[in-house]
Amino acid sequence: MDEITRFLEEFYASLPPQKADAAVRQRLLNRLEAEYMSYLSQGRPKKDAVSLTLMHFGFQDALDAELRKEKLLDTYKRFRTKYPLLIRGGFLGILIVPAVFLILMFSLESKLIFLTAWIVSIILLAAYLICVEYIDYRYKKLLESEKLIEGEQK
């Protein structure tokens, strides 16, 4: 078990530190420990279980890919928690900001300026909503290509 922890420490020592590393590191450690325990439950000696576990996850490319997958999944989960607020804010912006410009357009002298601001605000807020949806779409495509989410409703 100590060999697995030491291996992960050496692996993470070569990587630049990130905010989500602690959670990702713990998930990876849990997966390695589960793999180790499954080898032990099959009746393998401790030394063989450690070597098979590290052989399974130990190749640098495989670990890099696993780390990228975990970070991608973590950032997608954080995005999905903010997603309803982003959409709600965009729709509220489409209702409120153009309404304010419309009221100002009819109450003040410079109608052309407020008409232009009204049109530009609608276009910018629509572009914002399109970007939020595109980010969600790209995350889903990346996760599907990595086979991290399956059977998602389309």
C-alpha atoms as a PDB file:
ATOM      1  CA  MET A   1       0.000   0.000   0.000  1.00  0.00           C
ATOM      2  CA  ASP A   2       2.866   2.371   0.806  1.00  0.00           C
ATOM      3  CA  GLU A   3       4.380   1.648  -2.591  1.00  0.00           C
ATOM      4  CA  ILE A   4       1.211   2.861  -4.295  1.00  0.00           C
ATOM      5  CA  THR A   5       1.164   6.078  -2.261  1.00  0.00           C
ATOM      6  CA  ARG A   6       4.857   6.644  -2.917  1.00  0.00           C
ATOM      7  CA  PHE A   7       4.348   6.005  -6.622  1.00  0.00           C
ATOM      8  CA  LEU A   8       1.563   8.613  -6.758  1.00  0.00           C
ATOM      9  CA  GLU A   9       3.690  11.131  -4.843  1.00  0.00           C
ATOM     10  CA  GLU A  10       6.535  10.686  -7.321  1.00  0.00           C
ATOM     11  CA  PHE A  11       4.120  10.980 -10.211  1.00  0.00           C
ATOM     12  CA  TYR A  12       2.558  14.193  -8.895  1.00  0.00           C
ATOM     13  CA  ALA A  13       5.966  15.672  -8.080  1.00  0.00           C
ATOM     14  CA  SER A  14       6.669  15.913 -11.815  1.00  0.00           C
ATOM     15  CA  LEU A  15       3.409  17.782 -12.524  1.00  0.00           C
ATOM     16  CA  PRO A  16       2.636  21.463 -11.964  1.00  0.00           C
ATOM     17  CA  PRO A  17       0.294  22.023  -8.994  1.00  0.00           C
ATOM     18  CA  GLN A  18      -3.395  22.700  -9.733  1.00  0.00           C
ATOM     19  CA  LYS A  19      -6.402  23.536  -7.568  1.00  0.00           C
ATOM     20  CA  ALA A  20      -8.273  20.307  -8.267  1.00  0.00           C
ATOM     21  CA  ASP A  21      -5.222  18.067  -7.729  1.00  0.00           C
ATOM     22  CA  ALA A  22      -6.108  17.000  -4.193  1.00  0.00           C
ATOM     23  CA  ALA A  23      -9.515  15.652  -5.183  1.00  0.00           C
ATOM     24  CA  VAL A  24      -8.185  14.056  -8.354  1.00  0.00           C
ATOM     25  CA  ARG A  25      -5.236  12.566  -6.490  1.00  0.00           C
ATOM     26  CA  GLN A  26      -7.547  11.099  -3.850  1.00  0.00           C
ATOM     27  CA  ARG A  27      -9.848   9.579  -6.496  1.00  0.00           C
ATOM     28  CA  LEU A  28      -6.887   8.060  -8.305  1.00  0.00           C
ATOM     29  CA  LEU A  29      -5.493   6.722  -5.033  1.00  0.00           C
ATOM     30  CA  ASN A  30      -8.870   5.195  -4.211  1.00  0.00           C
ATOM     31  CA  ARG A  31      -9.013   3.515  -7.615  1.00  0.00           C
ATOM     32  CA  LEU A  32      -5.478   2.164  -7.223  1.00  0.00           C
ATOM     33  CA  GLU A  33      -6.262   0.899  -3.734  1.00  0.00           C
ATOM     34  CA  ALA A  34      -9.440  -0.792  -4.995  1.00  0.00           C
ATOM     35  CA  GLU A  35      -7.416  -2.458  -7.736  1.00  0.00           C
ATOM     36  CA  TYR A  36      -4.820  -3.530  -5.159  1.00  0.00           C
ATOM     37  CA  MET A  37      -7.507  -4.961  -2.871  1.00  0.00           C
ATOM     38  CA  SER A  38      -9.101  -6.867  -5.741  1.00  0.00           C
ATOM     39  CA  TYR A  39      -5.761  -8.512  -6.505  1.00  0.00           C
ATOM     40  CA  LEU A  40      -5.351  -9.381  -2.819  1.00  0.00           C
ATOM     41  CA  SER A  41      -8.857 -10.842  -2.690  1.00  0.00           C
ATOM     42  CA  GLN A  42      -7.918 -13.062  -5.639  1.00  0.00           C
ATOM     43  CA  GLY A  43      -5.259 -14.600  -3.418  1.00  0.00           C
ATOM     44  CA  ARG A  44      -2.208 -12.899  -4.911  1.00  0.00           C
ATOM     45  CA  PRO A  45       0.738 -12.035  -2.655  1.00  0.00           C
ATOM     46  CA  LYS A  46       1.095  -8.397  -1.603  1.00  0.00           C
ATOM     47  CA  LYS A  47       4.157  -7.838  -3.757  1.00  0.00           C
ATOM     48  CA  ASP A  48       2.410  -9.209  -6.861  1.00  0.00           C
ATOM     49  CA  ALA A  49      -0.720  -7.183  -6.112  1.00  0.00           C
ATOM     50  CA  VAL A  50       1.324  -3.987  -5.890  1.00  0.00           C
ATOM     51  CA  SER A  51       3.254  -4.712  -9.070  1.00  0.00           C
ATOM     52  CA  LEU A  52       0.107  -5.657 -11.010  1.00  0.00           C
ATOM     53  CA  THR A  53      -1.680  -2.543  -9.756  1.00  0.00           C
ATOM     54  CA  LEU A  54       1.202  -0.285 -10.716  1.00  0.00           C
ATOM     55  CA  MET A  55       1.631  -2.118 -14.000  1.00  0.00           C
ATOM     56  CA  HIS A  56      -2.044  -1.566 -14.765  1.00  0.00           C
ATOM     57  CA  PHE A  57      -1.935   2.138 -13.940  1.00  0.00           C
ATOM     58  CA  GLY A  58       1.802   2.653 -13.880  1.00  0.00           C
ATOM     59  CA  PHE A  59       2.602   3.536 -17.425  1.00  0.00           C
ATOM     60  CA  GLN A  60       3.195   7.264 -17.660  1.00  0.00           C
ATOM     61  CA  ASP A  61       0.930   7.739 -20.677  1.00  0.00           C
ATOM     62  CA  ALA A  62      -1.866   5.817 -19.058  1.00  0.00           C
ATOM     63  CA  LEU A  63      -1.562   7.846 -15.874  1.00  0.00           C
ATOM     64  CA  ASP A  64      -1.464  11.107 -17.818  1.00  0.00           C
ATOM     65  CA  ALA A  65      -4.602  10.086 -19.695  1.00  0.00           C
ATOM     66  CA  GLU A  66      -6.293   9.061 -16.458  1.00  0.00           C
ATOM     67  CA  LEU A  67      -5.354  12.380 -14.871  1.00  0.00           C
ATOM     68  CA  ARG A  68      -6.694  14.332 -17.847  1.00  0.00           C
ATOM     69  CA  LYS A  69      -9.943  12.376 -17.706  1.00  0.00           C
ATOM     70  CA  GLU A  70     -10.365  13.006 -13.997  1.00  0.00           C
ATOM     71  CA  LYS A  71      -9.657  16.734 -14.370  1.00  0.00           C
ATOM     72  CA  LEU A  72     -12.025  16.994 -17.327  1.00  0.00           C
ATOM     73  CA  LEU A  73     -14.756  15.255 -15.356  1.00  0.00           C
ATOM     74  CA  ASP A  74     -14.105  17.497 -12.362  1.00  0.00           C
ATOM     75  CA  THR A  75     -14.278  20.715 -14.402  1.00  0.00           C
ATOM     76  CA  TYR A  76     -17.448  19.490 -16.137  1.00  0.00           C
ATOM     77  CA  LYS A  77     -19.102  18.800 -12.789  1.00  0.00           C
ATOM     78  CA  ARG A  78     -18.196  22.297 -11.578  1.00  0.00           C
ATOM     79  CA  PHE A  79     -19.545  23.784 -14.815  1.00  0.00           C
ATOM     80  CA  ARG A  80     -22.796  21.801 -14.511  1.00  0.00           C
ATOM     81  CA  THR A  81     -23.377  23.178 -11.023  1.00  0.00           C
ATOM     82  CA  LYS A  82     -23.101  26.721 -12.406  1.00  0.00           C
ATOM     83  CA  TYR A  83     -24.954  25.976 -15.654  1.00  0.00           C
ATOM     84  CA  PRO A  84     -28.537  26.693 -14.463  1.00  0.00           C
ATOM     85  CA  LEU A  85     -27.428  30.012 -12.977  1.00  0.00           C
ATOM     86  CA  LEU A  86     -25.639  30.979 -16.190  1.00  0.00           C
ATOM     87  CA  ILE A  87     -28.699  30.213 -18.315  1.00  0.00           C
ATOM     88  CA  ARG A  88     -31.093  31.887 -15.891  1.00  0.00           C
ATOM     89  CA  GLY A  89     -28.863  34.967 -15.794  1.00  0.00           C
ATOM     90  CA  GLY A  90     -28.752  35.103 -19.594  1.00  0.00           C
ATOM     91  CA  PHE A  91     -32.505  34.910 -19.945  1.00  0.00           C
ATOM     92  CA  LEU A  92     -33.076  37.468 -17.204  1.00  0.00           C
ATOM     93  CA  GLY A  93     -30.562  39.713 -18.944  1.00  0.00           C
ATOM     94  CA  ILE A  94     -32.460  39.344 -22.223  1.00  0.00           C
ATOM     95  CA  LEU A  95     -35.645  40.408 -20.437  1.00  0.00           C
ATOM     96  CA  ILE A  96     -34.308  43.211 -18.238  1.00  0.00           C
ATOM     97  CA  VAL A  97     -31.447  44.965 -20.080  1.00  0.00           C
ATOM     98  CA  PRO A  98     -33.282  45.546 -23.389  1.00  0.00           C
ATOM     99  CA  ALA A  99     -36.394  46.623 -21.459  1.00  0.00           C
ATOM    100  CA  VAL A 100     -34.344  49.277 -19.663  1.00  0.00           C
ATOM    101  CA  PHE A 101     -32.912  50.538 -22.959  1.00  0.00           C
ATOM    102  CA  LEU A 102     -36.383  50.505 -24.508  1.00  0.00           C
ATOM    103  CA  ILE A 103     -37.785  52.611 -21.664  1.00  0.00           C
ATOM    104  CA  LEU A 104     -34.850  55.015 -21.901  1.00  0.00           C
ATOM    105  CA  MET A 105     -35.273  55.218 -25.668  1.00  0.00           C
ATOM    106  CA  PHE A 106     -38.844  56.481 -25.318  1.00  0.00           C
ATOM    107  CA  SER A 107     -38.195  58.785 -22.373  1.00  0.00           C
ATOM    108  CA  LEU A 108     -35.027  60.627 -23.430  1.00  0.00           C
ATOM    109  CA  GLU A 109     -34.066  62.755 -26.409  1.00  0.00           C
ATOM    110  CA  SER A 110     -31.303  60.649 -27.973  1.00  0.00           C
ATOM    111  CA  LYS A 111     -33.443  57.832 -29.323  1.00  0.00           C
ATOM    112  CA  LEU A 112     -30.908  56.554 -31.847  1.00  0.00           C
ATOM    113  CA  ILE A 113     -28.267  55.872 -29.188  1.00  0.00           C
ATOM    114  CA  PHE A 114     -30.660  53.906 -26.992  1.00  0.00           C
ATOM    115  CA  LEU A 115     -32.123  52.062 -29.978  1.00  0.00           C
ATOM    116  CA  THR A 116     -28.597  51.006 -30.936  1.00  0.00           C
ATOM    117  CA  ALA A 117     -27.818  50.016 -27.325  1.00  0.00           C
ATOM    118  CA  TRP A 118     -31.085  48.040 -27.185  1.00  0.00           C
ATOM    119  CA  ILE A 119     -30.217  46.060 -30.337  1.00  0.00           C
ATOM    120  CA  VAL A 120     -26.597  45.504 -29.307  1.00  0.00           C
ATOM    121  CA  SER A 121     -27.639  44.296 -25.824  1.00  0.00           C
ATOM    122  CA  ILE A 122     -30.015  41.711 -27.314  1.00  0.00           C
ATOM    123  CA  ILE A 123     -27.302  40.463 -29.681  1.00  0.00           C
ATOM    124  CA  LEU A 124     -24.644  40.280 -26.935  1.00  0.00           C
ATOM    125  CA  LEU A 125     -26.909  38.455 -24.502  1.00  0.00           C
ATOM    126  CA  ALA A 126     -27.952  35.980 -27.205  1.00  0.00           C
ATOM    127  CA  ALA A 127     -24.264  35.416 -28.018  1.00  0.00           C
ATOM    128  CA  TYR A 128     -23.609  34.827 -24.308  1.00  0.00           C
ATOM    129  CA  LEU A 129     -26.312  32.141 -24.156  1.00  0.00           C
ATOM    130  CA  ILE A 130     -24.978  30.519 -27.320  1.00  0.00           C
ATOM    131  CA  CYS A 131     -21.472  30.403 -25.796  1.00  0.00           C
ATOM    132  CA  VAL A 132     -22.744  28.810 -22.582  1.00  0.00           C
ATOM    133  CA  GLU A 133     -24.602  26.162 -24.584  1.00  0.00           C
ATOM    134  CA  TYR A 134     -21.562  25.569 -26.793  1.00  0.00           C
ATOM    135  CA  ILE A 135     -19.335  25.055 -23.749  1.00  0.00           C
ATOM    136  CA  ASP A 136     -21.806  22.494 -22.416  1.00  0.00           C
ATOM    137  CA  TYR A 137     -21.945  20.778 -25.804  1.00  0.00           C
ATOM    138  CA  ARG A 138     -18.132  20.603 -26.067  1.00  0.00           C
ATOM    139  CA  TYR A 139     -17.808  19.170 -22.559  1.00  0.00           C
ATOM    140  CA  LYS A 140     -20.355  16.485 -23.389  1.00  0.00           C
ATOM    141  CA  LYS A 141     -18.595  15.600 -26.641  1.00  0.00           C
ATOM    142  CA  LEU A 142     -15.211  15.413 -24.893  1.00  0.00           C
ATOM    143  CA  LEU A 143     -16.611  13.244 -22.137  1.00  0.00           C
ATOM    144  CA  GLU A 144     -18.344  10.974 -24.637  1.00  0.00           C
ATOM    145  CA  SER A 145     -15.106  10.610 -26.594  1.00  0.00           C
ATOM    146  CA  GLU A 146     -13.314   9.710 -23.356  1.00  0.00           C
ATOM    147  CA  LYS A 147     -16.231   7.386 -22.521  1.00  0.00           C
ATOM    148  CA  LEU A 148     -16.723   9.050 -19.141  1.00  0.00           C
ATOM    149  CA  ILE A 149     -20.443   9.595 -19.649  1.00  0.00           C
ATOM    150  CA  GLU A 150     -22.630   7.097 -21.391  1.00  0.00           C
ATOM    151  CA  GLY A 151     -26.288   6.938 -22.343  1.00  0.00           C
ATOM    152  CA  GLU A 152     -26.837  10.662 -21.866  1.00  0.00           C
ATOM    153  CA  GLN A 153     -30.184  11.910 -23.167  1.00  0.00           C
ATOM    154  CA  LYS A 154     -29.843  13.937 -26.350  1.00  0.00           C
END
